[in-house]
């Protein structure tokens, strides 16, 4: 756990431990999500929803006492030691924010799809690795839509695995089954260096998240089969607000129709801006110039320089972080 905590604070910017804990546990507020986005920590958002704050605080204090973390007078922390490259690499490949809700289920669907394709034109008498409709129905649809599923899937999978780090590719391939191969479990395949928690969880997650990120962009067949899961990974309430906003409704109209508070609508719009580069930033464009690195400044400080409401300031901070001019 200590190496993971050090990796979280291994950054040129100092971070507040309380906010890092909120990111890990998945506190879904606009403040926490914005902080995670601004400081490149969305990948570990809700990575440890059951982590106790007391346990986290104790480990942080122990690392401070060991002089591996240092705290300034305002309570911001920064590492004083280098983080092992292997652990740092795993953290960089995590994407719990996008895949945390359904990542493991998405990989289970891939396992069933590969098995079904492997047995195509050979036999339909085999024990499927999954038998619930959540997995079997999407696979049946893909089989009906793609008569050459075996060859098409093989080609796309080859391209996806070629783009993964070899350790992840070997790990995931080892879990796949076919006519002459029975896939192994994650536990059986996990490299010895990652047998202990939290790396046992994080290595598997990093491999899956890395695969899903590439597959979404590079594999039309897999992207089609996994599309419902990609949608389920998103905040469904935020999606409802997004649809109404795109239909031309004002914030006040959305509040009235959905019977939610302005703060909730703000949260949804900020989350949407964080996850979608195509967000309509121009709707919040400011006539006031924002200072460089405005996304690092607290709202109360920035408001003194830019007289805008909270939502407009936050959206412009997100746009600036992305390199988009508003």
C-alpha atoms as a PDB file:
ATOM      1  CA  UNK A   1       0.000   0.000   0.000  1.00  0.00           C
ATOM      2  CA  UNK A   2       2.851   2.380   0.773  1.00  0.00           C
ATOM      3  CA  UNK A   3       4.245   2.232  -2.771  1.00  0.00           C
ATOM      4  CA  UNK A   4       0.785   2.986  -4.162  1.00  0.00           C
ATOM      5  CA  UNK A   5       0.346   5.997  -1.875  1.00  0.00           C
ATOM      6  CA  UNK A   6       3.779   7.294  -2.865  1.00  0.00           C
ATOM      7  CA  UNK A   7       2.831   6.892  -6.524  1.00  0.00           C
ATOM      8  CA  UNK A   8      -0.302   8.982  -5.930  1.00  0.00           C
ATOM      9  CA  UNK A   9       1.763  11.860  -4.537  1.00  0.00           C
ATOM     10  CA  UNK A  10       4.595  11.498  -7.043  1.00  0.00           C
ATOM     11  CA  UNK A  11       3.978  14.696  -8.970  1.00  0.00           C
ATOM     12  CA  UNK A  12       5.562  18.086  -9.443  1.00  0.00           C
ATOM     13  CA  UNK A  13       2.553  19.643  -7.695  1.00  0.00           C
ATOM     14  CA  UNK A  14       1.775  19.224  -4.023  1.00  0.00           C
ATOM     15  CA  UNK A  15      -1.553  17.564  -3.173  1.00  0.00           C
ATOM     16  CA  UNK A  16      -3.912  17.568  -0.218  1.00  0.00           C
ATOM     17  CA  UNK A  17      -4.172  14.098   1.386  1.00  0.00           C
ATOM     18  CA  UNK A  18      -7.872  14.585   2.192  1.00  0.00           C
ATOM     19  CA  UNK A  19      -8.718  15.208  -1.454  1.00  0.00           C
ATOM     20  CA  UNK A  20      -6.580  12.283  -2.626  1.00  0.00           C
ATOM     21  CA  UNK A  21      -8.561  10.075  -0.237  1.00  0.00           C
ATOM     22  CA  UNK A  22     -11.831  11.428  -1.639  1.00  0.00           C
ATOM     23  CA  UNK A  23     -10.619  10.608  -5.155  1.00  0.00           C
ATOM     24  CA  UNK A  24      -9.675   7.051  -4.160  1.00  0.00           C
ATOM     25  CA  UNK A  25     -12.964   6.439  -2.361  1.00  0.00           C
ATOM     26  CA  UNK A  26     -14.968   7.984  -5.207  1.00  0.00           C
ATOM     27  CA  UNK A  27     -16.652  11.043  -3.742  1.00  0.00           C
ATOM     28  CA  UNK A  28     -18.549  12.205  -6.824  1.00  0.00           C
ATOM     29  CA  UNK A  29     -18.668  15.987  -6.433  1.00  0.00           C
ATOM     30  CA  UNK A  30     -17.607  18.582  -8.959  1.00  0.00           C
ATOM     31  CA  UNK A  31     -14.806  19.727  -6.641  1.00  0.00           C
ATOM     32  CA  UNK A  32     -13.290  16.264  -6.296  1.00  0.00           C
ATOM     33  CA  UNK A  33     -13.705  15.416  -9.987  1.00  0.00           C
ATOM     34  CA  UNK A  34     -12.211  18.762 -11.037  1.00  0.00           C
ATOM     35  CA  UNK A  35      -9.252  18.296  -8.697  1.00  0.00           C
ATOM     36  CA  UNK A  36      -8.689  14.794 -10.055  1.00  0.00           C
ATOM     37  CA  UNK A  37      -8.844  16.088 -13.623  1.00  0.00           C
ATOM     38  CA  UNK A  38      -6.601  19.075 -13.049  1.00  0.00           C
ATOM     39  CA  UNK A  39      -3.938  16.964 -11.331  1.00  0.00           C
ATOM     40  CA  UNK A  40      -4.200  13.887 -13.575  1.00  0.00           C
ATOM     41  CA  UNK A  41      -5.689  11.568 -10.954  1.00  0.00           C
ATOM     42  CA  UNK A  42      -8.968  10.576 -12.669  1.00  0.00           C
ATOM     43  CA  UNK A  43      -7.471   7.158 -13.363  1.00  0.00           C
ATOM     44  CA  UNK A  44      -7.691   6.230  -9.678  1.00  0.00           C
ATOM     45  CA  UNK A  45     -11.118   7.767  -9.049  1.00  0.00           C
ATOM     46  CA  UNK A  46     -13.064   5.241  -6.928  1.00  0.00           C
ATOM     47  CA  UNK A  47     -10.246   2.723  -7.196  1.00  0.00           C
ATOM     48  CA  UNK A  48     -10.746   1.872  -3.521  1.00  0.00           C
ATOM     49  CA  UNK A  49     -14.358   2.604  -2.508  1.00  0.00           C
ATOM     50  CA  UNK A  50     -14.001   0.570   0.702  1.00  0.00           C
ATOM     51  CA  UNK A  51     -10.805   2.207   1.893  1.00  0.00           C
ATOM     52  CA  UNK A  52     -11.197   3.604   5.417  1.00  0.00           C
ATOM     53  CA  UNK A  53     -10.008   7.179   5.827  1.00  0.00           C
ATOM     54  CA  UNK A  54      -8.393   6.292   9.154  1.00  0.00           C
ATOM     55  CA  UNK A  55      -6.292   3.572   7.498  1.00  0.00           C
ATOM     56  CA  UNK A  56      -5.277   5.938   4.682  1.00  0.00           C
ATOM     57  CA  UNK A  57      -4.359   8.715   7.117  1.00  0.00           C
ATOM     58  CA  UNK A  58      -2.281   6.349   9.261  1.00  0.00           C
ATOM     59  CA  UNK A  59      -0.290   5.176   6.245  1.00  0.00           C
ATOM     60  CA  UNK A  60       0.271   8.759   5.074  1.00  0.00           C
ATOM     61  CA  UNK A  61       1.459   9.821   8.542  1.00  0.00           C
ATOM     62  CA  UNK A  62       3.814   6.853   8.670  1.00  0.00           C
ATOM     63  CA  UNK A  63       5.323   7.853   5.324  1.00  0.00           C
ATOM     64  CA  UNK A  64       5.739  11.421   6.572  1.00  0.00           C
ATOM     65  CA  UNK A  65       7.480  10.113   9.693  1.00  0.00           C
ATOM     66  CA  UNK A  66       9.744   7.989   7.473  1.00  0.00           C
ATOM     67  CA  UNK A  67      10.518  11.146   5.462  1.00  0.00           C
ATOM     68  CA  UNK A  68       9.221   9.591   2.252  1.00  0.00           C
ATOM     69  CA  UNK A  69       6.491  12.233   2.121  1.00  0.00           C
ATOM     70  CA  UNK A  70       6.914  15.831   3.177  1.00  0.00           C
ATOM     71  CA  UNK A  71       4.215  18.267   4.238  1.00  0.00           C
ATOM     72  CA  UNK A  72       4.282  22.027   3.879  1.00  0.00           C
ATOM     73  CA  UNK A  73       2.733  24.488   6.340  1.00  0.00           C
ATOM     74  CA  UNK A  74      -0.629  24.284   4.551  1.00  0.00           C
ATOM     75  CA  UNK A  75      -0.796  20.495   4.717  1.00  0.00           C
ATOM     76  CA  UNK A  76       0.028  19.786   1.076  1.00  0.00           C
ATOM     77  CA  UNK A  77       2.127  16.672   0.482  1.00  0.00           C
ATOM     78  CA  UNK A  78       4.826  15.678  -1.968  1.00  0.00           C
ATOM     79  CA  UNK A  79       7.093  12.652  -2.275  1.00  0.00           C
ATOM     80  CA  UNK A  80      10.752  12.930  -1.362  1.00  0.00           C
ATOM     81  CA  UNK A  81      11.754   9.571  -2.885  1.00  0.00           C
ATOM     82  CA  UNK A  82      11.487   8.108  -6.370  1.00  0.00           C
ATOM     83  CA  UNK A  83       8.642   5.692  -7.091  1.00  0.00           C
ATOM     84  CA  UNK A  84       9.610   2.326  -8.671  1.00  0.00           C
ATOM     85  CA  UNK A  85       8.984   2.509 -12.417  1.00  0.00           C
ATOM     86  CA  UNK A  86       6.823  -0.652 -12.493  1.00  0.00           C
ATOM     87  CA  UNK A  87       4.381   0.655  -9.895  1.00  0.00           C
ATOM     88  CA  UNK A  88       4.316   4.096 -11.498  1.00  0.00           C
ATOM     89  CA  UNK A  89       3.541   2.519 -14.888  1.00  0.00           C
ATOM     90  CA  UNK A  90       0.580   0.588 -13.473  1.00  0.00           C
ATOM     91  CA  UNK A  91      -0.872   3.757 -11.957  1.00  0.00           C
ATOM     92  CA  UNK A  92      -0.500   5.577 -15.276  1.00  0.00           C
ATOM     93  CA  UNK A  93      -2.563   2.889 -17.061  1.00  0.00           C
ATOM     94  CA  UNK A  94      -5.461   2.832 -14.598  1.00  0.00           C
ATOM     95  CA  UNK A  95      -8.753   4.331 -15.757  1.00  0.00           C
ATOM     96  CA  UNK A  96     -11.286   3.640 -13.028  1.00  0.00           C
ATOM     97  CA  UNK A  97     -13.155   6.833 -13.867  1.00  0.00           C
ATOM     98  CA  UNK A  98     -14.093   5.492 -17.302  1.00  0.00           C
ATOM     99  CA  UNK A  99     -14.112   1.721 -16.714  1.00  0.00           C
ATOM    100  CA  UNK A 100     -14.417   1.206 -12.975  1.00  0.00           C
ATOM    101  CA  UNK A 101     -18.129   0.406 -12.981  1.00  0.00           C
ATOM    102  CA  UNK A 102     -18.126  -2.295 -15.678  1.00  0.00           C
ATOM    103  CA  UNK A 103     -14.493  -3.032 -16.563  1.00  0.00           C
ATOM    104  CA  UNK A 104     -14.394  -6.603 -15.262  1.00  0.00           C
ATOM    105  CA  UNK A 105     -17.763  -7.433 -16.826  1.00  0.00           C
ATOM    106  CA  UNK A 106     -16.567  -6.042 -20.146  1.00  0.00           C
ATOM    107  CA  UNK A 107     -13.564  -8.357 -20.081  1.00  0.00           C
ATOM    108  CA  UNK A 108     -15.829 -11.315 -19.271  1.00  0.00           C
ATOM    109  CA  UNK A 109     -17.840 -10.531 -22.392  1.00  0.00           C
ATOM    110  CA  UNK A 110     -14.617 -10.450 -24.427  1.00  0.00           C
ATOM    111  CA  UNK A 111     -13.694 -13.872 -23.008  1.00  0.00           C
ATOM    112  CA  UNK A 112     -17.044 -15.343 -24.078  1.00  0.00           C
ATOM    113  CA  UNK A 113     -16.874 -13.706 -27.507  1.00  0.00           C
ATOM    114  CA  UNK A 114     -13.393 -15.100 -28.146  1.00  0.00           C
ATOM    115  CA  UNK A 115     -14.500 -18.578 -27.065  1.00  0.00           C
ATOM    116  CA  UNK A 116     -17.584 -18.469 -29.315  1.00  0.00           C
ATOM    117  CA  UNK A 117     -15.520 -17.264 -32.278  1.00  0.00           C
ATOM    118  CA  UNK A 118     -12.875 -19.909 -31.695  1.00  0.00           C
ATOM    119  CA  UNK A 119     -15.495 -22.683 -31.813  1.00  0.00           C
ATOM    120  CA  UNK A 120     -17.239 -21.233 -34.883  1.00  0.00           C
ATOM    121  CA  UNK A 121     -17.373 -23.830 -37.709  1.00  0.00           C
ATOM    122  CA  UNK A 122     -15.859 -26.415 -35.357  1.00  0.00           C
ATOM    123  CA  UNK A 123     -18.514 -27.295 -32.790  1.00  0.00           C
ATOM    124  CA  UNK A 124     -21.405 -25.799 -30.859  1.00  0.00           C
ATOM    125  CA  UNK A 125     -21.026 -28.324 -28.079  1.00  0.00           C
ATOM    126  CA  UNK A 126     -18.843 -26.689 -25.471  1.00  0.00           C
ATOM    127  CA  UNK A 127     -19.245 -25.296 -21.980  1.00  0.00           C
ATOM    128  CA  UNK A 128     -19.388 -21.485 -22.302  1.00  0.00           C
ATOM    129  CA  UNK A 129     -17.293 -19.432 -19.903  1.00  0.00           C
ATOM    130  CA  UNK A 130     -20.408 -17.295 -19.239  1.00  0.00           C
ATOM    131  CA  UNK A 131     -24.073 -18.267 -19.401  1.00  0.00           C
ATOM    132  CA  UNK A 132     -26.037 -15.200 -18.243  1.00  0.00           C
ATOM    133  CA  UNK A 133     -27.989 -13.107 -20.802  1.00  0.00           C
ATOM    134  CA  UNK A 134     -25.890 -10.037 -19.944  1.00  0.00           C
ATOM    135  CA  UNK A 135     -23.043 -11.721 -21.818  1.00  0.00           C
ATOM    136  CA  UNK A 136     -24.676 -14.310 -24.074  1.00  0.00           C
ATOM    137  CA  UNK A 137     -27.116 -11.960 -25.852  1.00  0.00           C
ATOM    138  CA  UNK A 138     -24.506  -9.439 -27.095  1.00  0.00           C
ATOM    139  CA  UNK A 139     -22.345 -12.343 -28.276  1.00  0.00           C
ATOM    140  CA  UNK A 140     -25.270 -13.945 -30.155  1.00  0.00           C
ATOM    141  CA  UNK A 141     -26.014 -10.630 -31.857  1.00  0.00           C
ATOM    142  CA  UNK A 142     -22.405 -10.236 -32.973  1.00  0.00           C
ATOM    143  CA  UNK A 143     -22.338 -13.791 -34.324  1.00  0.00           C
ATOM    144  CA  UNK A 144     -25.494 -13.136 -36.361  1.00  0.00           C
ATOM    145  CA  UNK A 145     -24.171  -9.829 -37.676  1.00  0.00           C
ATOM    146  CA  UNK A 146     -20.694 -11.126 -38.543  1.00  0.00           C
ATOM    147  CA  UNK A 147     -20.630 -14.427 -40.478  1.00  0.00           C
ATOM    148  CA  UNK A 148     -16.833 -14.168 -40.568  1.00  0.00           C
ATOM    149  CA  UNK A 149     -16.593 -13.416 -36.865  1.00  0.00           C
ATOM    150  CA  UNK A 150     -13.607 -15.664 -36.281  1.00  0.00           C
ATOM    151  CA  UNK A 151     -11.319 -14.011 -38.818  1.00  0.00           C
ATOM    152  CA  UNK A 152     -12.545 -10.477 -38.163  1.00  0.00           C
ATOM    153  CA  UNK A 153     -12.157 -10.830 -34.398  1.00  0.00           C
ATOM    154  CA  UNK A 154      -8.734 -12.423 -34.719  1.00  0.00           C
ATOM    155  CA  UNK A 155      -7.529  -9.518 -36.882  1.00  0.00           C
ATOM    156  CA  UNK A 156      -8.864  -6.857 -34.528  1.00  0.00           C
ATOM    157  CA  UNK A 157      -7.619  -8.571 -31.383  1.00  0.00           C
ATOM    158  CA  UNK A 158      -4.160  -8.921 -32.895  1.00  0.00           C
ATOM    159  CA  UNK A 159      -4.085  -5.177 -33.567  1.00  0.00           C
ATOM    160  CA  UNK A 160      -5.298  -4.345 -30.051  1.00  0.00           C
ATOM    161  CA  UNK A 161      -2.874  -6.660 -28.242  1.00  0.00           C
ATOM    162  CA  UNK A 162       0.002  -5.367 -30.365  1.00  0.00           C
ATOM    163  CA  UNK A 163      -0.551  -1.929 -28.823  1.00  0.00           C
ATOM    164  CA  UNK A 164      -0.605  -3.097 -25.196  1.00  0.00           C
ATOM    165  CA  UNK A 165       2.434  -3.398 -22.955  1.00  0.00           C
ATOM    166  CA  UNK A 166       3.623  -7.025 -23.388  1.00  0.00           C
ATOM    167  CA  UNK A 167       3.009  -7.882 -19.715  1.00  0.00           C
ATOM    168  CA  UNK A 168      -0.655  -6.856 -20.007  1.00  0.00           C
ATOM    169  CA  UNK A 169      -1.124  -8.593 -23.348  1.00  0.00           C
ATOM    170  CA  UNK A 170       0.331 -11.886 -22.086  1.00  0.00           C
ATOM    171  CA  UNK A 171      -1.706 -11.653 -18.889  1.00  0.00           C
ATOM    172  CA  UNK A 172      -5.038 -11.134 -20.651  1.00  0.00           C
ATOM    173  CA  UNK A 173      -4.412 -13.627 -23.454  1.00  0.00           C
ATOM    174  CA  UNK A 174      -3.733 -16.284 -20.841  1.00  0.00           C
ATOM    175  CA  UNK A 175      -7.355 -16.042 -19.653  1.00  0.00           C
ATOM    176  CA  UNK A 176      -8.859 -16.771 -23.103  1.00  0.00           C
ATOM    177  CA  UNK A 177     -10.353 -20.155 -24.014  1.00  0.00           C
ATOM    178  CA  UNK A 178     -10.779 -22.094 -27.252  1.00  0.00           C
ATOM    179  CA  UNK A 179     -11.125 -25.653 -28.630  1.00  0.00           C
ATOM    180  CA  UNK A 180      -7.746 -26.759 -27.297  1.00  0.00           C
ATOM    181  CA  UNK A 181      -7.097 -24.156 -24.640  1.00  0.00           C
ATOM    182  CA  UNK A 182      -8.722 -23.501 -21.272  1.00  0.00           C
ATOM    183  CA  UNK A 183      -8.109 -20.008 -20.020  1.00  0.00           C
ATOM    184  CA  UNK A 184      -6.587 -19.527 -16.592  1.00  0.00           C
ATOM    185  CA  UNK A 185      -7.792 -17.188 -13.860  1.00  0.00           C
ATOM    186  CA  UNK A 186      -6.243 -13.828 -13.073  1.00  0.00           C
ATOM    187  CA  UNK A 187      -4.995 -15.261  -9.793  1.00  0.00           C
ATOM    188  CA  UNK A 188      -3.126 -18.051 -11.604  1.00  0.00           C
ATOM    189  CA  UNK A 189      -1.529 -15.672 -14.107  1.00  0.00           C
ATOM    190  CA  UNK A 190      -0.687 -12.733 -11.862  1.00  0.00           C
ATOM    191  CA  UNK A 191       3.075 -11.989 -11.881  1.00  0.00           C
ATOM    192  CA  UNK A 192       4.755 -12.801  -8.586  1.00  0.00           C
ATOM    193  CA  UNK A 193       5.690  -9.167  -7.960  1.00  0.00           C
ATOM    194  CA  UNK A 194       2.000  -8.241  -7.790  1.00  0.00           C
ATOM    195  CA  UNK A 195       0.577 -11.009  -5.616  1.00  0.00           C
ATOM    196  CA  UNK A 196      -0.108  -8.689  -2.675  1.00  0.00           C
ATOM    197  CA  UNK A 197      -2.814  -6.060  -2.340  1.00  0.00           C
ATOM    198  CA  UNK A 198      -3.348  -3.489  -3.656  1.00  0.00           C
ATOM    199  CA  UNK A 199      -1.201  -4.475  -6.651  1.00  0.00           C
ATOM    200  CA  UNK A 200      -3.146  -7.718  -7.136  1.00  0.00           C
ATOM    201  CA  UNK A 201      -6.204  -5.580  -7.875  1.00  0.00           C
ATOM    202  CA  UNK A 202      -4.391  -2.742  -9.634  1.00  0.00           C
ATOM    203  CA  UNK A 203      -2.362  -4.848 -12.092  1.00  0.00           C
ATOM    204  CA  UNK A 204      -5.485  -6.678 -13.321  1.00  0.00           C
ATOM    205  CA  UNK A 205      -7.410  -3.416 -13.559  1.00  0.00           C
ATOM    206  CA  UNK A 206      -4.613  -1.660 -15.450  1.00  0.00           C
ATOM    207  CA  UNK A 207      -4.443  -4.504 -17.982  1.00  0.00           C
ATOM    208  CA  UNK A 208      -8.219  -4.451 -18.548  1.00  0.00           C
ATOM    209  CA  UNK A 209      -8.452  -0.653 -18.697  1.00  0.00           C
ATOM    210  CA  UNK A 210      -5.572  -0.477 -21.153  1.00  0.00           C
ATOM    211  CA  UNK A 211      -7.229  -3.109 -23.374  1.00  0.00           C
ATOM    212  CA  UNK A 212     -10.626  -1.396 -23.293  1.00  0.00           C
ATOM    213  CA  UNK A 213      -9.154   2.013 -24.121  1.00  0.00           C
ATOM    214  CA  UNK A 214      -7.420   0.654 -27.218  1.00  0.00           C
ATOM    215  CA  UNK A 215     -10.349  -1.568 -28.242  1.00  0.00           C
ATOM    216  CA  UNK A 216     -12.786   1.339 -28.082  1.00  0.00           C
ATOM    217  CA  UNK A 217     -10.714   3.272 -30.602  1.00  0.00           C
ATOM    218  CA  UNK A 218      -9.222   0.501 -32.732  1.00  0.00           C
ATOM    219  CA  UNK A 219     -11.692  -2.408 -32.826  1.00  0.00           C
ATOM    220  CA  UNK A 220     -15.104  -1.702 -34.442  1.00  0.00           C
ATOM    221  CA  UNK A 221     -16.327  -5.222 -33.688  1.00  0.00           C
ATOM    222  CA  UNK A 222     -15.413  -5.124 -30.013  1.00  0.00           C
ATOM    223  CA  UNK A 223     -16.591  -1.523 -29.669  1.00  0.00           C
ATOM    224  CA  UNK A 224     -20.017  -2.540 -31.002  1.00  0.00           C
ATOM    225  CA  UNK A 225     -20.318  -5.469 -28.621  1.00  0.00           C
ATOM    226  CA  UNK A 226     -19.138  -3.464 -25.633  1.00  0.00           C
ATOM    227  CA  UNK A 227     -21.069  -0.276 -26.408  1.00  0.00           C
ATOM    228  CA  UNK A 228     -23.812  -0.843 -23.788  1.00  0.00           C
ATOM    229  CA  UNK A 229     -21.142  -1.349 -21.135  1.00  0.00           C
ATOM    230  CA  UNK A 230     -19.288   1.804 -22.177  1.00  0.00           C
ATOM    231  CA  UNK A 231     -22.542   3.712 -21.641  1.00  0.00           C
ATOM    232  CA  UNK A 232     -23.216   2.053 -18.282  1.00  0.00           C
ATOM    233  CA  UNK A 233     -19.802   3.161 -17.087  1.00  0.00           C
ATOM    234  CA  UNK A 234     -21.029   6.763 -17.304  1.00  0.00           C
ATOM    235  CA  UNK A 235     -23.070   8.647 -14.715  1.00  0.00           C
ATOM    236  CA  UNK A 236     -26.614   8.033 -15.952  1.00  0.00           C
ATOM    237  CA  UNK A 237     -28.054  11.087 -14.206  1.00  0.00           C
ATOM    238  CA  UNK A 238     -25.411  13.261 -15.853  1.00  0.00           C
ATOM    239  CA  UNK A 239     -26.397  11.832 -19.245  1.00  0.00           C
ATOM    240  CA  UNK A 240     -30.015  12.913 -18.707  1.00  0.00           C
ATOM    241  CA  UNK A 241     -28.894  16.450 -17.931  1.00  0.00           C
ATOM    242  CA  UNK A 242     -26.620  16.407 -20.990  1.00  0.00           C
ATOM    243  CA  UNK A 243     -29.484  15.376 -23.283  1.00  0.00           C
ATOM    244  CA  UNK A 244     -31.684  18.213 -22.002  1.00  0.00           C
ATOM    245  CA  UNK A 245     -28.883  20.784 -22.314  1.00  0.00           C
ATOM    246  CA  UNK A 246     -28.142  19.690 -25.881  1.00  0.00           C
ATOM    247  CA  UNK A 247     -31.835  19.979 -26.711  1.00  0.00           C
ATOM    248  CA  UNK A 248     -31.571  23.685 -25.922  1.00  0.00           C
ATOM    249  CA  UNK A 249     -32.979  23.810 -22.412  1.00  0.00           C
ATOM    250  CA  UNK A 250     -31.579  26.328 -19.949  1.00  0.00           C
ATOM    251  CA  UNK A 251     -30.192  25.395 -16.549  1.00  0.00           C
ATOM    252  CA  UNK A 252     -33.391  26.696 -14.933  1.00  0.00           C
ATOM    253  CA  UNK A 253     -35.545  24.572 -17.253  1.00  0.00           C
ATOM    254  CA  UNK A 254     -33.451  21.491 -16.516  1.00  0.00           C
ATOM    255  CA  UNK A 255     -33.819  22.134 -12.788  1.00  0.00           C
ATOM    256  CA  UNK A 256     -37.580  22.376 -13.121  1.00  0.00           C
ATOM    257  CA  UNK A 257     -38.037  19.375 -15.393  1.00  0.00           C
ATOM    258  CA  UNK A 258     -35.739  17.071 -13.424  1.00  0.00           C
ATOM    259  CA  UNK A 259     -36.627  18.477 -10.012  1.00  0.00           C
ATOM    260  CA  UNK A 260     -32.984  18.877  -9.052  1.00  0.00           C
ATOM    261  CA  UNK A 261     -30.985  21.738  -7.545  1.00  0.00           C
ATOM    262  CA  UNK A 262     -28.756  24.124  -9.453  1.00  0.00           C
ATOM    263  CA  UNK A 263     -25.702  22.636  -7.740  1.00  0.00           C
ATOM    264  CA  UNK A 264     -26.593  19.204  -9.107  1.00  0.00           C
ATOM    265  CA  UNK A 265     -26.959  20.565 -12.645  1.00  0.00           C
ATOM    266  CA  UNK A 266     -23.599  22.308 -12.228  1.00  0.00           C
ATOM    267  CA  UNK A 267     -22.043  19.028 -11.091  1.00  0.00           C
ATOM    268  CA  UNK A 268     -23.443  17.230 -14.143  1.00  0.00           C
ATOM    269  CA  UNK A 269     -22.207  19.863 -16.597  1.00  0.00           C
ATOM    270  CA  UNK A 270     -18.762  19.920 -15.017  1.00  0.00           C
ATOM    271  CA  UNK A 271     -18.535  16.124 -15.129  1.00  0.00           C
ATOM    272  CA  UNK A 272     -19.629  16.191 -18.764  1.00  0.00           C
ATOM    273  CA  UNK A 273     -16.939  18.772 -19.583  1.00  0.00           C
ATOM    274  CA  UNK A 274     -14.332  16.602 -17.883  1.00  0.00           C
ATOM    275  CA  UNK A 275     -15.160  13.412 -19.800  1.00  0.00           C
ATOM    276  CA  UNK A 276     -15.944  14.874 -23.216  1.00  0.00           C
ATOM    277  CA  UNK A 277     -13.559  16.930 -25.336  1.00  0.00           C
ATOM    278  CA  UNK A 278     -16.542  17.790 -27.562  1.00  0.00           C
ATOM    279  CA  UNK A 279     -18.325  19.576 -24.717  1.00  0.00           C
ATOM    280  CA  UNK A 280     -19.866  22.878 -25.953  1.00  0.00           C
ATOM    281  CA  UNK A 281     -17.322  25.095 -24.220  1.00  0.00           C
ATOM    282  CA  UNK A 282     -18.371  28.042 -26.384  1.00  0.00           C
ATOM    283  CA  UNK A 283     -21.625  28.266 -24.402  1.00  0.00           C
ATOM    284  CA  UNK A 284     -19.514  29.382 -21.422  1.00  0.00           C
ATOM    285  CA  UNK A 285     -16.925  31.432 -23.298  1.00  0.00           C
ATOM    286  CA  UNK A 286     -15.629  34.368 -21.269  1.00  0.00           C
ATOM    287  CA  UNK A 287     -14.922  37.915 -22.407  1.00  0.00           C
ATOM    288  CA  UNK A 288     -12.483  38.157 -19.510  1.00  0.00           C
ATOM    289  CA  UNK A 289      -8.941  36.834 -19.988  1.00  0.00           C
ATOM    290  CA  UNK A 290      -7.997  33.987 -17.661  1.00  0.00           C
ATOM    291  CA  UNK A 291      -4.519  34.035 -16.114  1.00  0.00           C
ATOM    292  CA  UNK A 292      -2.039  31.302 -17.098  1.00  0.00           C
ATOM    293  CA  UNK A 293      -2.574  28.032 -15.225  1.00  0.00           C
ATOM    294  CA  UNK A 294      -5.912  29.292 -13.936  1.00  0.00           C
ATOM    295  CA  UNK A 295      -6.962  25.691 -13.297  1.00  0.00           C
ATOM    296  CA  UNK A 296      -4.510  25.627 -10.376  1.00  0.00           C
ATOM    297  CA  UNK A 297      -6.150  28.587  -8.656  1.00  0.00           C
ATOM    298  CA  UNK A 298      -8.961  28.181  -6.081  1.00  0.00           C
ATOM    299  CA  UNK A 299     -12.356  29.528  -7.095  1.00  0.00           C
ATOM    300  CA  UNK A 300     -12.331  32.322  -4.493  1.00  0.00           C
ATOM    301  CA  UNK A 301      -8.945  33.558  -5.719  1.00  0.00           C
ATOM    302  CA  UNK A 302      -9.856  33.310  -9.408  1.00  0.00           C
ATOM    303  CA  UNK A 303     -13.213  35.036  -8.904  1.00  0.00           C
ATOM    304  CA  UNK A 304     -11.410  38.194  -7.831  1.00  0.00           C
ATOM    305  CA  UNK A 305      -9.716  38.315 -11.246  1.00  0.00           C
ATOM    306  CA  UNK A 306     -12.567  36.982 -13.403  1.00  0.00           C
ATOM    307  CA  UNK A 307     -16.079  38.135 -12.335  1.00  0.00           C
ATOM    308  CA  UNK A 308     -18.015  35.050 -13.445  1.00  0.00           C
ATOM    309  CA  UNK A 309     -20.256  32.541 -11.675  1.00  0.00           C
ATOM    310  CA  UNK A 310     -18.866  29.271 -10.308  1.00  0.00           C
ATOM    311  CA  UNK A 311     -19.974  27.098 -13.256  1.00  0.00           C
ATOM    312  CA  UNK A 312     -18.523  29.394 -15.906  1.00  0.00           C
ATOM    313  CA  UNK A 313     -15.224  29.666 -14.063  1.00  0.00           C
ATOM    314  CA  UNK A 314     -14.946  25.909 -13.635  1.00  0.00           C
ATOM    315  CA  UNK A 315     -15.815  25.174 -17.286  1.00  0.00           C
ATOM    316  CA  UNK A 316     -13.203  27.674 -18.451  1.00  0.00           C
ATOM    317  CA  UNK A 317     -10.622  26.137 -16.113  1.00  0.00           C
ATOM    318  CA  UNK A 318     -11.329  22.713 -17.639  1.00  0.00           C
ATOM    319  CA  UNK A 319     -11.066  24.141 -21.154  1.00  0.00           C
ATOM    320  CA  UNK A 320      -7.760  25.806 -20.298  1.00  0.00           C
ATOM    321  CA  UNK A 321      -6.399  22.563 -18.865  1.00  0.00           C
ATOM    322  CA  UNK A 322      -7.351  20.851 -22.152  1.00  0.00           C
ATOM    323  CA  UNK A 323      -5.658  23.594 -24.161  1.00  0.00           C
ATOM    324  CA  UNK A 324      -8.985  24.775 -25.602  1.00  0.00           C
ATOM    325  CA  UNK A 325      -9.522  28.515 -25.904  1.00  0.00           C
ATOM    326  CA  UNK A 326     -12.879  29.817 -24.672  1.00  0.00           C
END
